[in-house]
Amino acid sequence: MTELMVAIPWWGWIGIAAAAVVLLVVAVCTVWAAIHRGVLLSRARAHASHGVRISDNEAALIHLHVRPWGVTVHVPAGWMTDAEAAAFAGDVAHRWHRQVRSVTSTRCVWHWTESVWSIHL
């Protein structure tokens, strides 16, 4: 084993360390998103327009993009009005001790067919 370690050049160790850091950051962001996703469904149902029923299949469209520099929440645009989306953003930001940076209507990179509210925290 030590022979293999000695055979790796110094720049190889830098590459291994960089890859390990990237994998660690991705893992932490994924775990954070999984833990906090439960809040989104309950809060989205509470803030959805009156008369809108959100099934479990539709709830799967609510998702997070977590990065070290911020969190983006995507909720289908048809569920909420502008005012409800802003109130939902404030509610989620308050629960997660974050600030709302913007609330815009857009399309998600992963779900181009669905129009979403993009909430940047």
N, C-alpha and C. Protein backbone atom coordinates (compact mmCIF):
# COMPACT_ATOMS: atom_id res chain seq x y z
N MET A 1 0.83 -1.19 0.00
CA MET A 1 0.00 0.00 0.00
C MET A 1 0.87 1.25 0.00
N THR A 2 1.93 1.27 0.80
CA THR A 2 2.79 2.44 0.83
C THR A 2 3.51 2.62 -0.50
N GLU A 3 3.76 1.53 -1.21
CA GLU A 3 4.41 1.64 -2.52
C GLU A 3 3.49 2.39 -3.50
N LEU A 4 2.20 2.11 -3.40
CA LEU A 4 1.23 2.80 -4.25
C LEU A 4 1.15 4.27 -3.88
N MET A 5 1.20 4.56 -2.60
CA MET A 5 1.12 5.95 -2.15
C MET A 5 2.36 6.73 -2.59
N VAL A 6 3.50 6.11 -2.56
CA VAL A 6 4.73 6.76 -2.98
C VAL A 6 4.73 6.98 -4.49
N ALA A 7 4.08 6.09 -5.22
CA ALA A 7 4.05 6.18 -6.68
C ALA A 7 3.18 7.34 -7.18
N ILE A 8 2.28 7.85 -6.34
CA ILE A 8 1.41 8.95 -6.75
C ILE A 8 2.20 10.25 -6.63
N PRO A 9 2.28 11.05 -7.72
CA PRO A 9 3.03 12.31 -7.66
C PRO A 9 2.31 13.33 -6.78
N TRP A 10 2.99 14.41 -6.44
CA TRP A 10 2.43 15.44 -5.55
C TRP A 10 1.18 16.05 -6.13
N TRP A 11 1.13 16.27 -7.45
CA TRP A 11 -0.06 16.87 -8.04
C TRP A 11 -1.23 15.89 -8.03
N GLY A 12 -0.95 14.59 -7.97
CA GLY A 12 -2.01 13.60 -7.84
C GLY A 12 -2.68 13.70 -6.48
N TRP A 13 -1.88 13.95 -5.44
CA TRP A 13 -2.44 14.10 -4.10
C TRP A 13 -3.31 15.36 -4.00
N ILE A 14 -2.90 16.41 -4.69
CA ILE A 14 -3.71 17.63 -4.71
C ILE A 14 -5.04 17.36 -5.41
N GLY A 15 -5.00 16.62 -6.49
CA GLY A 15 -6.24 16.25 -7.19
C GLY A 15 -7.14 15.38 -6.35
N ILE A 16 -6.56 14.44 -5.63
CA ILE A 16 -7.35 13.56 -4.75
C ILE A 16 -7.98 14.38 -3.63
N ALA A 17 -7.23 15.30 -3.05
CA ALA A 17 -7.76 16.14 -1.97
C ALA A 17 -8.89 17.04 -2.49
N ALA A 18 -8.71 17.62 -3.67
CA ALA A 18 -9.75 18.48 -4.25
C ALA A 18 -11.01 17.68 -4.54
N ALA A 19 -10.87 16.49 -5.09
CA ALA A 19 -12.03 15.64 -5.37
C ALA A 19 -12.74 15.25 -4.07
N ALA A 20 -11.97 14.98 -3.02
CA ALA A 20 -12.58 14.62 -1.73
C ALA A 20 -13.37 15.79 -1.15
N VAL A 21 -12.85 17.00 -1.28
CA VAL A 21 -13.56 18.18 -0.77
C VAL A 21 -14.85 18.40 -1.56
N VAL A 22 -14.79 18.27 -2.88
CA VAL A 22 -15.99 18.44 -3.71
C VAL A 22 -17.04 17.39 -3.34
N LEU A 23 -16.64 16.15 -3.19
CA LEU A 23 -17.58 15.08 -2.82
C LEU A 23 -18.19 15.33 -1.44
N LEU A 24 -17.41 15.83 -0.51
CA LEU A 24 -17.91 16.14 0.83
C LEU A 24 -18.95 17.27 0.77
N VAL A 25 -18.67 18.32 0.00
CA VAL A 25 -19.62 19.43 -0.12
C VAL A 25 -20.92 18.95 -0.76
N VAL A 26 -20.83 18.15 -1.80
CA VAL A 26 -22.03 17.62 -2.46
C VAL A 26 -22.83 16.75 -1.49
N ALA A 27 -22.15 15.93 -0.71
CA ALA A 27 -22.83 15.07 0.26
C ALA A 27 -23.53 15.90 1.34
N VAL A 28 -22.88 16.91 1.86
CA VAL A 28 -23.48 17.76 2.89
C VAL A 28 -24.70 18.49 2.33
N CYS A 29 -24.60 19.03 1.11
CA CYS A 29 -25.74 19.73 0.50
C CYS A 29 -26.90 18.78 0.26
N THR A 30 -26.63 17.55 -0.16
CA THR A 30 -27.67 16.57 -0.40
C THR A 30 -28.37 16.18 0.90
N VAL A 31 -27.62 15.97 1.94
CA VAL A 31 -28.21 15.63 3.24
C VAL A 31 -29.03 16.79 3.77
N TRP A 32 -28.53 18.01 3.65
CA TRP A 32 -29.27 19.19 4.11
C TRP A 32 -30.60 19.29 3.37
N ALA A 33 -30.58 19.08 2.06
CA ALA A 33 -31.82 19.15 1.27
C ALA A 33 -32.79 18.06 1.69
N ALA A 34 -32.31 16.86 1.93
CA ALA A 34 -33.19 15.75 2.33
C ALA A 34 -33.84 16.02 3.68
N ILE A 35 -33.09 16.58 4.60
CA ILE A 35 -33.61 16.86 5.93
C ILE A 35 -34.66 17.98 5.89
N HIS A 36 -34.42 19.00 5.08
CA HIS A 36 -35.30 20.17 5.05
C HIS A 36 -36.45 20.07 4.06
N ARG A 37 -36.51 19.05 3.25
CA ARG A 37 -37.56 18.92 2.25
C ARG A 37 -38.94 18.71 2.89
N GLY A 38 -38.99 18.07 4.04
CA GLY A 38 -40.25 17.82 4.71
C GLY A 38 -41.00 19.10 5.06
N VAL A 39 -40.28 20.14 5.43
CA VAL A 39 -40.89 21.42 5.76
C VAL A 39 -41.57 22.01 4.52
N LEU A 40 -40.95 21.81 3.37
CA LEU A 40 -41.48 22.42 2.14
C LEU A 40 -42.88 21.93 1.81
N LEU A 41 -43.10 20.64 1.88
CA LEU A 41 -44.40 20.09 1.50
C LEU A 41 -45.51 20.61 2.40
N SER A 42 -45.29 20.57 3.70
CA SER A 42 -46.33 21.04 4.62
C SER A 42 -46.59 22.54 4.47
N ARG A 43 -45.54 23.32 4.31
CA ARG A 43 -45.71 24.76 4.16
C ARG A 43 -46.32 25.12 2.81
N ALA A 44 -45.96 24.39 1.75
CA ALA A 44 -46.52 24.66 0.42
C ALA A 44 -48.02 24.36 0.42
N ARG A 45 -48.41 23.29 1.06
CA ARG A 45 -49.84 22.97 1.14
C ARG A 45 -50.59 24.04 1.94
N ALA A 46 -49.97 24.55 2.96
CA ALA A 46 -50.62 25.58 3.77
C ALA A 46 -50.76 26.90 3.00
N HIS A 47 -49.80 27.20 2.11
CA HIS A 47 -49.81 28.46 1.38
C HIS A 47 -50.46 28.36 0.01
N ALA A 48 -50.80 27.16 -0.45
CA ALA A 48 -51.38 27.01 -1.78
C ALA A 48 -52.72 27.72 -1.88
N SER A 49 -53.06 28.15 -3.08
CA SER A 49 -54.32 28.85 -3.32
C SER A 49 -55.48 28.01 -2.82
N HIS A 50 -56.50 28.68 -2.35
CA HIS A 50 -57.69 27.97 -1.85
C HIS A 50 -58.30 27.16 -2.97
N GLY A 51 -58.64 25.93 -2.67
CA GLY A 51 -59.24 25.04 -3.67
C GLY A 51 -58.24 24.21 -4.43
N VAL A 52 -56.93 24.50 -4.30
CA VAL A 52 -55.91 23.72 -5.00
C VAL A 52 -55.54 22.53 -4.14
N ARG A 53 -55.71 21.36 -4.67
CA ARG A 53 -55.35 20.12 -3.96
C ARG A 53 -54.00 19.65 -4.48
N ILE A 54 -53.10 19.38 -3.58
CA ILE A 54 -51.76 18.93 -3.96
C ILE A 54 -51.65 17.45 -3.64
N SER A 55 -51.58 16.62 -4.67
CA SER A 55 -51.43 15.19 -4.46
C SER A 55 -49.96 14.87 -4.15
N ASP A 56 -49.71 13.65 -3.73
CA ASP A 56 -48.34 13.24 -3.43
C ASP A 56 -47.47 13.25 -4.69
N ASN A 57 -48.07 12.91 -5.85
CA ASN A 57 -47.31 12.95 -7.10
C ASN A 57 -46.92 14.37 -7.46
N GLU A 58 -47.85 15.30 -7.27
CA GLU A 58 -47.55 16.70 -7.55
C GLU A 58 -46.54 17.26 -6.55
N ALA A 59 -46.61 16.76 -5.31
CA ALA A 59 -45.69 17.24 -4.28
C ALA A 59 -44.24 16.87 -4.62
N ALA A 60 -44.06 15.84 -5.41
CA ALA A 60 -42.70 15.45 -5.81
C ALA A 60 -42.05 16.53 -6.68
N LEU A 61 -42.85 17.44 -7.23
CA LEU A 61 -42.31 18.52 -8.04
C LEU A 61 -41.66 19.62 -7.20
N ILE A 62 -41.99 19.68 -5.92
CA ILE A 62 -41.35 20.64 -5.02
C ILE A 62 -39.95 20.11 -4.74
N HIS A 63 -38.95 20.93 -5.00
CA HIS A 63 -37.60 20.46 -4.77
C HIS A 63 -36.66 21.62 -4.43
N LEU A 64 -35.49 21.26 -3.95
CA LEU A 64 -34.47 22.22 -3.53
C LEU A 64 -33.23 22.05 -4.40
N HIS A 65 -32.55 23.17 -4.62
CA HIS A 65 -31.21 23.15 -5.19
C HIS A 65 -30.34 23.77 -4.11
N VAL A 66 -29.54 22.96 -3.43
CA VAL A 66 -28.71 23.45 -2.33
C VAL A 66 -27.27 23.54 -2.80
N ARG A 67 -26.71 24.71 -2.61
CA ARG A 67 -25.31 24.95 -2.95
C ARG A 67 -24.67 25.67 -1.77
N PRO A 68 -23.35 25.67 -1.67
CA PRO A 68 -22.72 26.35 -0.54
C PRO A 68 -23.06 27.83 -0.46
N TRP A 69 -23.37 28.48 -1.56
CA TRP A 69 -23.66 29.92 -1.56
C TRP A 69 -25.14 30.24 -1.43
N GLY A 70 -26.01 29.24 -1.38
CA GLY A 70 -27.42 29.54 -1.19
C GLY A 70 -28.34 28.37 -1.51
N VAL A 71 -29.60 28.58 -1.22
CA VAL A 71 -30.64 27.56 -1.43
C VAL A 71 -31.66 28.13 -2.40
N THR A 72 -32.07 27.31 -3.36
CA THR A 72 -33.15 27.69 -4.27
C THR A 72 -34.27 26.68 -4.12
N VAL A 73 -35.46 27.18 -3.84
CA VAL A 73 -36.65 26.34 -3.69
C VAL A 73 -37.48 26.49 -4.95
N HIS A 74 -37.92 25.38 -5.53
CA HIS A 74 -38.79 25.42 -6.70
C HIS A 74 -40.14 24.80 -6.36
N VAL A 75 -41.20 25.59 -6.57
CA VAL A 75 -42.58 25.16 -6.32
C VAL A 75 -43.35 25.44 -7.61
N PRO A 76 -44.15 24.49 -8.10
CA PRO A 76 -44.93 24.74 -9.32
C PRO A 76 -45.71 26.04 -9.24
N ALA A 77 -45.64 26.84 -10.30
CA ALA A 77 -46.22 28.18 -10.31
C ALA A 77 -47.74 28.17 -10.24
N GLY A 78 -48.40 27.14 -10.73
CA GLY A 78 -49.85 27.11 -10.75
C GLY A 78 -50.49 26.96 -9.38
N TRP A 79 -49.72 26.64 -8.39
CA TRP A 79 -50.27 26.42 -7.06
C TRP A 79 -50.48 27.70 -6.27
N MET A 80 -49.73 28.75 -6.60
CA MET A 80 -49.76 29.96 -5.79
C MET A 80 -49.81 31.21 -6.65
N THR A 81 -50.41 32.24 -6.09
CA THR A 81 -50.38 33.56 -6.73
C THR A 81 -49.06 34.23 -6.35
N ASP A 82 -48.83 35.41 -6.90
CA ASP A 82 -47.61 36.16 -6.58
C ASP A 82 -47.49 36.43 -5.08
N ALA A 83 -48.59 36.88 -4.50
CA ALA A 83 -48.57 37.22 -3.07
C ALA A 83 -48.36 35.97 -2.21
N GLU A 84 -49.00 34.86 -2.59
CA GLU A 84 -48.84 33.62 -1.83
C GLU A 84 -47.41 33.09 -1.95
N ALA A 85 -46.81 33.23 -3.11
CA ALA A 85 -45.42 32.79 -3.28
C ALA A 85 -44.48 33.62 -2.42
N ALA A 86 -44.72 34.91 -2.35
CA ALA A 86 -43.89 35.78 -1.50
C ALA A 86 -44.07 35.43 -0.02
N ALA A 87 -45.31 35.17 0.39
CA ALA A 87 -45.57 34.79 1.78
C ALA A 87 -44.93 33.44 2.09
N PHE A 88 -45.01 32.50 1.15
CA PHE A 88 -44.40 31.19 1.32
C PHE A 88 -42.88 31.33 1.46
N ALA A 89 -42.28 32.17 0.62
CA ALA A 89 -40.83 32.39 0.69
C ALA A 89 -40.43 32.95 2.05
N GLY A 90 -41.19 33.92 2.54
CA GLY A 90 -40.89 34.48 3.85
C GLY A 90 -41.05 33.46 4.97
N ASP A 91 -42.07 32.62 4.87
CA ASP A 91 -42.30 31.59 5.88
C ASP A 91 -41.15 30.58 5.90
N VAL A 92 -40.75 30.09 4.74
CA VAL A 92 -39.67 29.10 4.66
C VAL A 92 -38.35 29.73 5.12
N ALA A 93 -38.08 30.96 4.69
CA ALA A 93 -36.84 31.63 5.09
C ALA A 93 -36.80 31.82 6.60
N HIS A 94 -37.93 32.17 7.20
CA HIS A 94 -37.99 32.35 8.65
C HIS A 94 -37.71 31.03 9.37
N ARG A 95 -38.29 29.94 8.89
CA ARG A 95 -38.10 28.64 9.53
C ARG A 95 -36.66 28.15 9.42
N TRP A 96 -35.99 28.50 8.32
CA TRP A 96 -34.61 28.06 8.11
C TRP A 96 -33.58 29.12 8.50
N HIS A 97 -34.03 30.21 9.10
CA HIS A 97 -33.15 31.29 9.55
C HIS A 97 -32.30 31.83 8.39
N ARG A 98 -32.97 32.13 7.29
CA ARG A 98 -32.32 32.68 6.11
C ARG A 98 -33.06 33.92 5.67
N GLN A 99 -32.52 34.60 4.67
CA GLN A 99 -33.15 35.78 4.10
C GLN A 99 -33.62 35.46 2.68
N VAL A 100 -34.75 36.02 2.28
CA VAL A 100 -35.24 35.86 0.92
C VAL A 100 -34.47 36.83 0.03
N ARG A 101 -33.80 36.30 -0.98
CA ARG A 101 -33.08 37.15 -1.94
C ARG A 101 -33.96 37.52 -3.12
N SER A 102 -34.76 36.57 -3.62
CA SER A 102 -35.66 36.86 -4.73
C SER A 102 -36.71 35.78 -4.87
N VAL A 103 -37.84 36.18 -5.45
CA VAL A 103 -38.93 35.25 -5.79
C VAL A 103 -39.31 35.57 -7.23
N THR A 104 -39.05 34.64 -8.14
CA THR A 104 -39.34 34.86 -9.55
C THR A 104 -40.04 33.65 -10.15
N SER A 105 -40.78 33.91 -11.22
CA SER A 105 -41.41 32.82 -11.95
C SER A 105 -40.46 32.44 -13.09
N THR A 106 -40.11 31.17 -13.18
CA THR A 106 -39.14 30.71 -14.17
C THR A 106 -39.38 29.24 -14.48
N ARG A 107 -38.46 28.63 -15.15
CA ARG A 107 -38.49 27.19 -15.40
C ARG A 107 -37.23 26.58 -14.79
N CYS A 108 -37.38 25.42 -14.19
CA CYS A 108 -36.25 24.74 -13.56
C CYS A 108 -35.38 24.09 -14.62
N VAL A 109 -34.11 24.03 -14.37
CA VAL A 109 -33.17 23.38 -15.29
C VAL A 109 -33.52 21.90 -15.45
N TRP A 110 -34.00 21.27 -14.39
CA TRP A 110 -34.28 19.83 -14.42
C TRP A 110 -35.69 19.51 -14.89
N HIS A 111 -36.60 20.48 -14.84
CA HIS A 111 -38.00 20.24 -15.22
C HIS A 111 -38.45 21.34 -16.19
N TRP A 112 -37.98 21.34 -17.41
CA TRP A 112 -38.28 22.41 -18.37
C TRP A 112 -39.75 22.50 -18.71
N THR A 113 -40.48 21.43 -18.55
CA THR A 113 -41.89 21.45 -18.93
C THR A 113 -42.77 22.14 -17.91
N GLU A 114 -42.28 22.37 -16.74
CA GLU A 114 -43.08 22.92 -15.64
C GLU A 114 -42.61 24.33 -15.27
N SER A 115 -43.53 25.26 -15.22
CA SER A 115 -43.24 26.60 -14.76
C SER A 115 -43.22 26.58 -13.23
N VAL A 116 -42.22 27.20 -12.62
CA VAL A 116 -42.06 27.15 -11.16
C VAL A 116 -41.81 28.54 -10.58
N TRP A 117 -42.13 28.66 -9.30
CA TRP A 117 -41.67 29.80 -8.52
C TRP A 117 -40.28 29.47 -8.05
N SER A 118 -39.34 30.29 -8.36
CA SER A 118 -37.95 30.09 -7.94
C SER A 118 -37.67 31.04 -6.79
N ILE A 119 -37.48 30.47 -5.62
CA ILE A 119 -37.27 31.24 -4.40
C ILE A 119 -35.82 31.08 -3.98
N HIS A 120 -35.08 32.18 -4.05
CA HIS A 120 -33.65 32.15 -3.69
C HIS A 120 -33.50 32.62 -2.25
N LEU A 121 -32.92 31.77 -1.43
CA LEU A 121 -32.69 32.10 -0.02
C LEU A 121 -31.20 32.21 0.23
